[in-house]
N, C-alpha and C. Protein backbone atom coordinates (compact mmCIF):
# COMPACT_ATOMS: atom_id res chain seq x y z
N MET A 1 -7.18 -10.08 19.53
CA MET A 1 -7.21 -9.84 17.99
C MET A 1 -5.34 -10.26 18.10
N ALA A 2 -4.89 -10.71 16.60
CA ALA A 2 -3.64 -11.46 17.17
C ALA A 2 -2.97 -10.61 15.36
N CYS A 3 -1.89 -10.11 15.61
CA CYS A 3 -1.32 -9.57 14.23
C CYS A 3 -1.08 -10.62 13.09
N ALA A 4 -2.31 -10.29 12.08
CA ALA A 4 -1.85 -11.00 10.55
C ALA A 4 0.00 -10.83 10.40
N ARG A 5 0.73 -10.11 10.92
CA ARG A 5 2.69 -10.17 9.75
C ARG A 5 3.38 -10.38 10.91
N CYS A 6 3.04 -10.60 12.38
CA CYS A 6 4.14 -10.43 13.49
C CYS A 6 3.04 -11.31 14.46
N GLY A 7 1.15 -11.56 14.53
CA GLY A 7 1.58 -12.03 16.39
C GLY A 7 1.07 -12.44 17.17
N GLY A 8 1.00 -10.36 16.63
CA GLY A 8 1.75 -9.69 18.42
C GLY A 8 0.35 -9.04 18.20
N LEU A 9 0.16 -8.65 19.57
CA LEU A 9 -1.18 -7.90 20.08
C LEU A 9 -1.28 -6.75 19.29
N ILE A 10 -3.08 -6.99 19.24
CA ILE A 10 -3.74 -6.47 18.12
C ILE A 10 -4.70 -4.73 19.50
N VAL A 11 -4.46 -3.74 19.13
CA VAL A 11 -5.10 -3.36 19.99
C VAL A 11 -6.03 -1.94 18.55
N LYS A 12 -8.15 -1.69 19.67
CA LYS A 12 -8.70 -0.81 18.59
C LYS A 12 -7.93 1.00 18.87
N GLU A 13 -7.81 1.78 18.05
CA GLU A 13 -8.16 3.09 18.14
C GLU A 13 -8.52 4.08 17.60
N ALA A 14 -9.27 4.96 17.73
CA ALA A 14 -9.77 5.52 17.16
C ALA A 14 -8.90 7.63 17.12
N VAL A 15 -8.48 7.33 15.69
CA VAL A 15 -7.95 8.77 15.16
C VAL A 15 -8.23 9.65 14.35
N TYR A 16 -7.79 10.62 14.87
CA TYR A 16 -8.66 11.78 12.89
C TYR A 16 -8.27 11.91 11.80
N ASP A 17 -8.46 12.23 10.78
CA ASP A 17 -8.03 12.27 9.93
C ASP A 17 -7.68 12.73 9.86
N ARG A 18 -7.06 12.77 9.11
CA ARG A 18 -5.65 13.51 7.84
C ARG A 18 -5.38 14.86 7.83
N GLU A 19 -6.54 14.85 7.17
CA GLU A 19 -6.88 16.64 6.33
C GLU A 19 -7.15 17.76 7.29
N GLY A 20 -7.04 17.47 8.96
CA GLY A 20 -7.50 18.24 9.85
C GLY A 20 -9.31 18.39 10.47
N SER A 21 -9.70 17.79 10.17
CA SER A 21 -11.30 17.83 9.85
C SER A 21 -10.96 16.85 11.16
N SER A 22 -12.16 16.94 11.83
CA SER A 22 -12.66 16.43 13.29
C SER A 22 -13.40 15.25 13.35
N GLN A 23 -13.15 14.53 11.87
CA GLN A 23 -14.02 12.66 12.41
C GLN A 23 -12.01 11.83 12.83
N LEU A 24 -13.59 11.23 12.97
CA LEU A 24 -13.09 10.08 14.27
C LEU A 24 -12.53 9.08 12.74
N VAL A 25 -11.25 8.73 13.18
CA VAL A 25 -11.02 7.30 12.17
C VAL A 25 -11.46 5.76 13.12
N GLU A 26 -12.25 4.28 13.12
CA GLU A 26 -11.19 3.39 13.51
C GLU A 26 -10.20 2.51 12.97
N MET A 27 -9.30 2.41 13.51
CA MET A 27 -8.25 1.97 13.28
C MET A 27 -7.67 0.32 14.06
N THR A 28 -7.06 -0.70 13.39
CA THR A 28 -5.97 -1.72 14.40
C THR A 28 -5.01 -1.25 14.42
N ARG A 29 -3.73 -1.37 14.90
CA ARG A 29 -2.75 -0.85 15.11
C ARG A 29 -1.87 -2.76 16.01
N CYS A 30 -0.49 -3.04 15.84
CA CYS A 30 -0.34 -4.19 16.27
C CYS A 30 0.81 -3.33 17.45
N LEU A 31 1.00 -4.00 18.08
CA LEU A 31 2.41 -3.04 19.29
C LEU A 31 3.41 -3.09 19.51
N GLN A 32 4.48 -3.78 18.54
CA GLN A 32 4.44 -5.20 18.46
C GLN A 32 5.58 -5.44 16.80
N CYS A 33 4.95 -4.31 15.81
CA CYS A 33 5.58 -4.13 14.97
C CYS A 33 4.92 -2.92 14.33
N GLY A 34 3.93 -2.68 14.69
CA GLY A 34 3.27 -1.41 14.67
C GLY A 34 2.61 -1.15 13.31
N ASN A 35 1.87 -2.35 12.91
CA ASN A 35 0.96 -2.69 11.63
C ASN A 35 -0.20 -1.82 11.98
N ILE A 36 -0.72 -1.10 10.18
CA ILE A 36 -1.26 -0.39 10.90
C ILE A 36 -3.00 -1.59 10.00
N GLU A 37 -4.39 -1.06 10.64
CA GLU A 37 -5.25 -1.23 10.06
C GLU A 37 -6.46 -0.79 9.42
N ASP A 38 -6.62 0.37 8.51
CA ASP A 38 -7.92 1.44 8.89
C ASP A 38 -8.78 1.12 7.73
N PRO A 39 -10.15 1.38 7.57
CA PRO A 39 -10.58 1.16 6.19
C PRO A 39 -10.45 0.97 4.86
N VAL A 40 -9.90 1.72 4.91
CA VAL A 40 -8.33 2.73 3.51
C VAL A 40 -7.25 1.29 3.44
N SER A 41 -7.06 0.94 4.09
CA SER A 41 -5.68 -0.12 3.89
C SER A 41 -6.50 -1.11 3.55
N VAL A 42 -7.90 -1.91 3.73
CA VAL A 42 -8.13 -3.12 3.78
C VAL A 42 -8.93 -2.89 2.94
N ARG A 43 -9.43 -1.78 2.37
CA ARG A 43 -9.89 -2.08 0.67
C ARG A 43 -9.09 -1.15 0.41
N ASN A 44 -7.73 -1.55 -0.10
CA ASN A 44 -6.77 -1.20 -0.94
C ASN A 44 -6.34 -3.04 -0.59
N ARG A 45 -6.16 -2.90 0.36
CA ARG A 45 -5.29 -4.53 -0.12
C ARG A 45 -6.63 -6.05 -0.95
N ALA A 46 -7.72 -5.00 -0.74
CA ALA A 46 -8.93 -6.58 -0.39
C ALA A 46 -8.69 -6.27 -2.07
N GLN A 47 -8.37 -5.14 -3.47
CA GLN A 47 -8.37 -5.24 -4.46
C GLN A 47 -7.62 -5.92 -5.37
N VAL A 48 -8.27 -6.78 -6.38
CA VAL A 48 -6.66 -7.58 -7.71
C VAL A 48 -5.33 -6.69 -7.36
N ALA A 49 -4.70 -7.42 -6.76
CA ALA A 49 -2.82 -6.80 -7.40
C ALA A 49 -2.70 -7.86 -7.88
N LEU A 50 -1.51 -6.89 -8.47
CA LEU A 50 -0.74 -7.97 -9.89
C LEU A 50 0.33 -8.47 -9.56
N PRO A 51 0.59 -9.26 -10.35
CA PRO A 51 1.19 -10.32 -9.81
C PRO A 51 2.57 -10.07 -10.09
N PRO A 52 4.26 -10.58 -8.84
CA PRO A 52 5.44 -10.21 -8.82
C PRO A 52 6.00 -10.21 -9.64
N SER A 53 6.04 -10.66 -10.94
CA SER A 53 6.03 -10.83 -12.70
C SER A 53 6.14 -9.32 -13.09
N GLN A 54 4.63 -8.92 -12.62
CA GLN A 54 4.63 -7.27 -13.10
C GLN A 54 4.36 -6.03 -12.10
N ARG A 55 4.85 -5.36 -11.71
CA ARG A 55 5.16 -5.09 -10.63
C ARG A 55 6.49 -3.98 -10.71
N GLY A 56 7.09 -3.44 -10.75
CA GLY A 56 7.17 -2.05 -11.27
C GLY A 56 7.99 -2.41 -12.52
N LYS A 57 7.75 -2.70 -14.05
CA LYS A 57 8.39 -2.84 -15.31
C LYS A 57 7.95 -1.66 -15.28
N VAL A 58 8.29 -1.06 -15.92
CA VAL A 58 8.08 0.38 -17.01
C VAL A 58 7.79 -0.68 -18.22
N ARG A 59 6.52 0.22 -18.29
CA ARG A 59 5.94 -0.20 -20.05
C ARG A 59 6.53 1.30 -20.85
N ARG A 60 6.47 0.42 -22.66
CA ARG A 60 7.41 1.08 -23.31
C ARG A 60 6.17 2.20 -23.77
N ASP A 61 6.04 2.56 -25.35
CA ASP A 61 5.11 2.75 -26.49
C ASP A 61 5.06 1.61 -27.44
N PRO A 62 4.45 0.59 -27.58
CA PRO A 62 5.06 -0.35 -28.27
C PRO A 62 5.38 -0.22 -30.22
N GLU A 63 5.39 0.42 -30.43
CA GLU A 63 5.38 1.60 -32.00
C GLU A 63 6.25 2.52 -31.61
N HIS A 64 7.46 2.43 -30.49
CA HIS A 64 8.77 3.56 -30.22
C HIS A 64 9.49 2.40 -31.15
N PRO A 65 10.72 3.64 -31.94
CA PRO A 65 11.33 2.85 -32.14
C PRO A 65 13.22 2.35 -32.05
N PHE A 66 13.44 2.87 -31.56
CA PHE A 66 13.82 1.87 -30.04
C PHE A 66 13.60 2.51 -28.56
N PRO A 67 14.66 1.27 -27.39
CA PRO A 67 14.31 0.77 -26.27
C PRO A 67 14.38 2.60 -25.17
N PRO A 68 13.96 2.26 -24.44
CA PRO A 68 15.12 3.38 -23.63
C PRO A 68 15.77 3.80 -23.21
N ILE A 69 16.99 2.38 -22.79
CA ILE A 69 17.78 3.01 -23.18
C ILE A 69 19.37 3.09 -24.15
N GLN A 70 18.52 2.42 -25.17
CA GLN A 70 19.41 3.59 -26.81
C GLN A 70 18.89 4.85 -26.20
N LEU A 71 17.94 5.95 -26.01
CA LEU A 71 16.99 6.88 -25.57
C LEU A 71 18.64 7.88 -25.19
N ALA A 72 18.43 6.98 -23.91
CA ALA A 72 19.47 7.92 -22.83
C ALA A 72 20.05 8.15 -24.52
N LYS A 73 21.09 6.97 -24.61
CA LYS A 73 22.05 7.56 -25.00
C LYS A 73 23.47 8.29 -26.15
N GLU A 74 22.16 8.79 -26.39
CA GLU A 74 21.71 9.97 -28.17
C GLU A 74 21.60 11.00 -26.96
């Protein structure tokens, strides 16, 4: 298998769950770039992503009389 990020070699690994349980989790890891894909990350990436114009923006209350910059100066 080839890595989707860099084209490197993908290996399958079984690791223990982070919470210290004895449950093994199957995952794949790229030997070249270190990209890890497990069932949780695959499921999260499959969800609808926000467009780049919406990422990282802070939402303001539209009814607030002052923008956040004016509030910080007071």
